[in-house]
Protein backbone atom coordinates (compact mmCIF):
# COMPACT_ATOMS: atom_id res chain seq x y z
CA MET A 1 48.40 -15.56 59.18
CA ILE A 2 48.22 -12.18 60.80
CA THR A 3 44.72 -10.83 60.85
CA ALA A 4 43.78 -7.19 60.50
CA ARG A 5 42.84 -7.05 64.21
CA GLU A 6 46.28 -8.36 65.30
CA ARG A 7 48.02 -5.92 62.94
CA GLY A 8 46.13 -3.01 64.48
CA ARG A 9 47.03 -4.14 68.00
CA ASN A 10 50.73 -4.31 67.08
CA TYR A 11 50.59 -0.81 65.63
CA ALA A 12 49.00 0.49 68.85
CA LEU A 13 51.65 -1.19 71.04
CA GLY A 14 54.39 0.24 68.85
CA ALA A 15 52.99 3.72 69.18
CA LEU A 16 52.88 3.37 72.98
CA VAL A 17 56.54 2.27 73.10
CA ILE A 18 57.65 5.20 70.93
CA ALA A 19 55.68 7.65 73.10
CA ALA A 20 57.31 6.27 76.26
CA LEU A 21 60.79 6.57 74.75
CA LEU A 22 60.15 10.16 73.71
CA ALA A 23 58.90 11.09 77.24
CA GLY A 24 62.01 9.59 78.86
CA THR A 25 64.30 11.51 76.54
CA ALA A 26 62.53 14.78 77.44
CA CYS A 27 62.98 14.16 81.20
CA GLU A 28 66.73 13.56 80.80
CA ALA A 29 67.20 16.78 78.83
CA GLY A 30 65.12 19.02 81.12
CA GLY A 31 66.06 17.64 84.52
CA THR A 32 64.14 15.73 87.13
CA ASP A 33 61.06 16.87 88.99
CA ASP A 34 62.80 17.16 92.40
CA GLY A 35 64.86 20.21 91.33
CA ALA A 36 68.27 18.68 92.08
CA SER A 37 69.72 19.72 88.74
CA GLY A 38 67.24 22.29 87.51
CA GLY A 39 68.22 25.99 87.21
CA PRO A 40 66.34 28.94 88.76
CA SER A 41 63.16 29.99 87.08
CA GLY A 42 64.15 33.71 87.04
CA PRO A 43 67.32 35.69 86.28
CA PRO A 44 70.18 35.41 88.85
CA LEU A 45 70.73 38.22 91.38
CA ALA A 46 73.37 40.74 90.47
CA THR A 47 76.54 40.59 92.55
CA GLY A 48 76.12 42.41 95.84
CA SER A 49 72.37 42.88 95.44
CA THR A 50 69.94 42.22 98.27
CA GLU A 51 66.33 41.16 98.08
CA PRO A 52 63.93 41.73 101.00
CA GLY A 53 64.43 38.99 103.55
CA ALA A 54 67.52 37.59 101.85
CA ILE A 55 70.41 36.52 104.09
CA GLY A 56 73.97 36.42 102.89
CA SER A 57 73.06 37.45 99.36
CA GLY A 58 75.47 40.38 99.29
CA THR A 59 76.51 43.45 101.26
CA PRO A 60 74.00 46.31 100.82
CA GLU A 61 75.27 49.77 100.12
CA PRO A 62 74.94 52.33 102.96
CA SER A 63 71.69 54.27 102.88
CA GLY A 64 73.47 57.64 102.98
CA SER A 65 76.84 59.33 102.92
CA PRO A 66 79.07 58.58 105.92
CA THR A 67 78.93 61.19 108.65
CA SER A 68 81.99 63.40 108.77
CA PRO A 69 83.83 63.87 112.07
CA SER A 70 81.55 66.56 113.43
CA GLY A 71 82.54 69.72 111.66
CA SER A 72 79.62 71.25 113.55
CA PRO A 73 79.36 69.21 116.72
CA GLU A 74 76.56 69.56 119.19
CA ALA A 75 77.31 70.98 122.57
CA GLY A 76 79.92 68.88 124.22
CA GLY A 77 81.44 67.48 121.05
CA SER A 78 84.23 65.11 121.99
CA GLY A 79 86.66 65.87 119.18
CA THR A 80 87.23 62.17 118.53
CA PRO A 81 88.10 61.58 114.86
CA GLY A 82 85.49 59.39 113.18
CA GLY A 83 86.84 56.39 111.32
CA THR A 84 90.28 57.89 110.59
CA GLY A 85 92.24 55.31 112.56
CA GLN A 86 94.14 58.15 114.25
CA ALA A 87 94.26 58.70 117.99
CA ALA A 88 92.50 61.82 119.22
CA PRO A 89 94.78 64.60 120.49
CA PRO A 90 95.19 64.60 124.28
CA ALA A 91 93.13 66.95 126.39
CA CYS A 92 94.77 70.30 127.04
CA ALA A 93 96.02 70.82 130.58
CA ASP A 94 97.45 73.79 132.48
CA PRO A 95 101.09 73.26 131.33
CA ASP A 96 99.92 73.48 127.70
CA LEU A 97 98.07 76.78 127.98
CA SER A 98 98.44 80.49 128.49
CA ILE A 99 95.15 82.08 129.68
CA THR A 100 94.15 85.72 129.19
CA THR A 101 90.86 87.54 129.77
CA SER A 102 89.25 90.58 128.21
CA PHE A 103 85.98 92.50 127.95
CA TRP A 104 84.16 93.54 124.80
CA GLN A 105 83.90 97.23 124.06
CA ARG A 106 80.58 98.91 124.89
CA ASP A 107 79.50 95.88 126.90
CA SER A 108 79.54 97.37 130.44
CA GLY A 109 81.52 94.37 131.70
CA GLN A 110 78.61 91.93 131.39
CA HIS A 111 80.57 89.34 129.40
CA LEU A 112 84.08 87.98 129.80
CA LEU A 113 86.16 86.47 126.99
CA ILE A 114 88.58 83.72 128.04
CA THR A 115 91.38 83.13 125.52
CA ALA A 116 93.47 79.96 125.77
CA THR A 117 96.68 79.92 123.73
CA ASN A 118 98.57 76.68 123.18
CA ALA A 119 101.94 77.61 124.65
CA GLY A 120 103.38 74.09 124.39
CA GLY A 121 104.77 72.03 121.56
CA ARG A 122 101.99 69.44 121.26
CA THR A 123 98.55 69.59 119.72
CA CYS A 124 95.78 69.26 122.29
CA THR A 125 92.00 69.58 122.55
CA LEU A 126 89.94 71.76 124.86
CA TYR A 127 86.94 69.51 125.42
CA HIS A 128 83.41 70.72 126.12
CA TYR A 129 83.35 73.88 128.25
CA PRO A 130 85.74 75.17 130.94
CA TYR A 131 84.95 74.78 134.61
CA VAL A 132 84.61 78.35 135.84
CA GLY A 133 83.90 79.40 139.43
CA PHE A 134 83.79 82.75 141.22
CA GLY A 135 84.27 84.02 144.77
CA GLU A 136 82.86 81.84 147.53
CA ASN A 137 81.48 79.43 144.92
CA ALA A 138 84.79 78.89 143.15
CA ASP A 139 84.64 75.14 143.89
CA THR A 140 81.21 74.87 142.24
CA PRO A 141 81.57 75.42 138.47
CA ILE A 142 78.92 77.45 136.69
CA GLY A 143 76.79 75.76 134.05
CA PRO A 144 77.08 75.90 130.25
CA MET A 145 74.95 78.10 128.01
CA GLU A 146 74.13 75.17 125.69
CA SER A 147 76.11 76.77 122.91
CA LYS A 148 76.99 74.74 119.81
CA PRO A 149 80.57 75.31 118.68
CA ARG A 150 81.26 75.54 114.97
CA ALA A 151 84.54 73.68 115.23
CA ILE A 152 86.16 71.19 117.56
CA ALA A 153 88.57 73.10 119.81
CA THR A 154 91.75 71.28 118.88
CA ILE A 155 94.68 73.69 118.85
CA LYS A 156 98.24 73.32 117.66
CA SER A 157 101.16 75.20 119.14
CA LYS A 158 100.48 78.99 119.20
CA GLN A 159 96.86 78.55 118.17
CA LYS A 160 93.97 79.86 120.27
CA ALA A 161 90.57 78.75 121.51
CA TYR A 162 87.90 80.85 123.19
CA ALA A 163 85.09 80.63 125.72
CA GLY A 164 82.68 83.38 126.73
CA VAL A 165 81.12 83.97 130.14
CA ARG A 166 77.92 85.86 130.76
CA LEU A 167 78.71 87.44 134.13
CA PHE A 168 75.39 89.14 134.82
CA ARG A 169 72.25 90.52 133.22
CA ALA A 170 71.18 94.12 133.39
CA GLY A 171 69.43 94.92 136.67
CA GLU A 172 70.87 91.98 138.61
CA GLY A 173 72.73 92.41 141.89
CA THR A 174 76.43 91.56 141.61
CA VAL A 175 79.48 90.80 143.72
CA THR A 176 83.00 91.92 142.81
CA VAL A 177 85.88 89.44 142.38
CA GLU A 178 89.46 89.87 141.20
CA SER A 179 90.13 86.29 140.15
CA PHE A 180 88.27 83.16 139.16
CA ALA A 181 88.79 79.39 139.20
CA LEU A 182 89.37 77.58 135.92
CA GLY A 183 89.45 73.85 135.19
CA TYR A 184 89.52 71.63 132.10
CA GLN A 185 87.59 68.56 131.08
CA ASP A 186 88.76 65.37 129.42
CA ARG A 187 86.98 63.71 126.52
CA ALA A 188 84.10 62.52 128.71
CA LEU A 189 81.57 65.25 129.45
CA GLY A 190 81.65 66.12 133.16
CA SER A 191 85.09 64.60 133.77
CA ASN A 192 87.69 66.10 136.13
CA ARG A 193 85.13 67.77 138.37
CA ASP A 194 87.06 66.56 141.42
CA VAL A 195 90.34 68.01 140.17
CA ALA A 196 91.29 71.24 141.89
CA SER A 197 90.69 74.25 139.65
CA LEU A 198 93.38 76.85 139.04
CA ASP A 199 93.16 80.35 140.44
CA ILE A 200 93.35 82.70 137.46
CA ALA A 201 93.98 86.40 137.96
CA VAL A 202 92.06 88.63 135.57
CA SER A 203 94.12 90.58 133.05
CA GLY A 204 95.34 94.10 133.73
CA GLU A 205 92.78 95.65 131.42
CA VAL A 206 89.97 93.93 133.34
CA ASP A 207 91.00 94.64 136.97
CA PHE A 208 87.90 93.05 138.49
CA LEU A 209 84.68 91.26 137.59
CA ASN A 210 81.11 91.93 138.60
CA VAL A 211 79.33 88.59 138.89
CA GLY A 212 75.57 88.11 139.09
CA PRO A 213 73.56 85.26 140.63
CA ASN A 214 73.48 83.08 137.49
CA PRO A 215 76.66 83.33 135.40
CA LEU A 216 76.99 80.88 132.49
CA VAL A 217 79.82 79.83 130.17
CA THR A 218 79.94 78.80 126.49
CA TYR A 219 81.70 75.77 125.09
CA TRP A 220 85.25 76.16 123.84
CA ASN A 221 85.51 77.26 120.23
CA THR A 222 88.38 77.99 117.87
CA ASP A 223 86.23 80.67 116.21
CA ARG A 224 85.99 83.84 118.28
CA GLY A 225 83.25 85.12 116.00
CA ALA A 226 81.09 82.13 116.93
CA ILE A 227 81.40 83.07 120.61
CA GLU A 228 80.38 86.66 119.83
CA ASP A 229 77.44 85.52 117.71
CA PHE A 230 76.15 83.37 120.52
CA LEU A 231 76.61 85.94 123.29
CA PHE A 232 75.35 89.00 121.46
CA ARG A 233 73.18 87.90 118.53
CA SER A 234 71.51 84.66 119.60
CA GLY A 235 69.34 86.24 122.29
CA ARG A 236 70.85 83.98 124.96
CA GLY A 237 73.68 86.22 126.13
């Protein structure tokens, strides 16, 4: 005979077995505690997104627009195309160029304009500023005026580039010369200093130059107006 006490104990044991079976079923459906098969607790990252400190979670977008190849380069811009995959034009040399000189009207001969015309059949670049020397100091080029050209001085056949020279300031003592030395740089700023400069005769309309103790030259520029702005309206000329 089964007593009431035994019947109650059997019911209790049965309830414990059922509870254990239910707990095991829940673990199989939800995964194990060690995380081997469990999914992330939050939403997945979007493709290409990056969280702070994440490594390899995607390529972040650039923080700004890519820089264009120096439409307004600083003084001494190299003229090297940026990211185009194209080789930069070679540096202009004497065989490529025809050089003329001129004064500005109502300027009293204080400034000289050097015009370089591409007389060859290849595109070339006049890098940085020309090496210019005068008289006894022809082998020692004068310094640049720290001008900032508006355009890289790359010129095709028949095109022109310009450089301006401040020969003297009002009230300075001067010496008279009838020619000057002219040299060209390569892509690297300060290159070709050891190369012999060319002796350039001034144009017929100029005849001679009066040169003060501290002449300076601008960077090459394809825009003649930019040279004039710098020499006459910037306060530096």
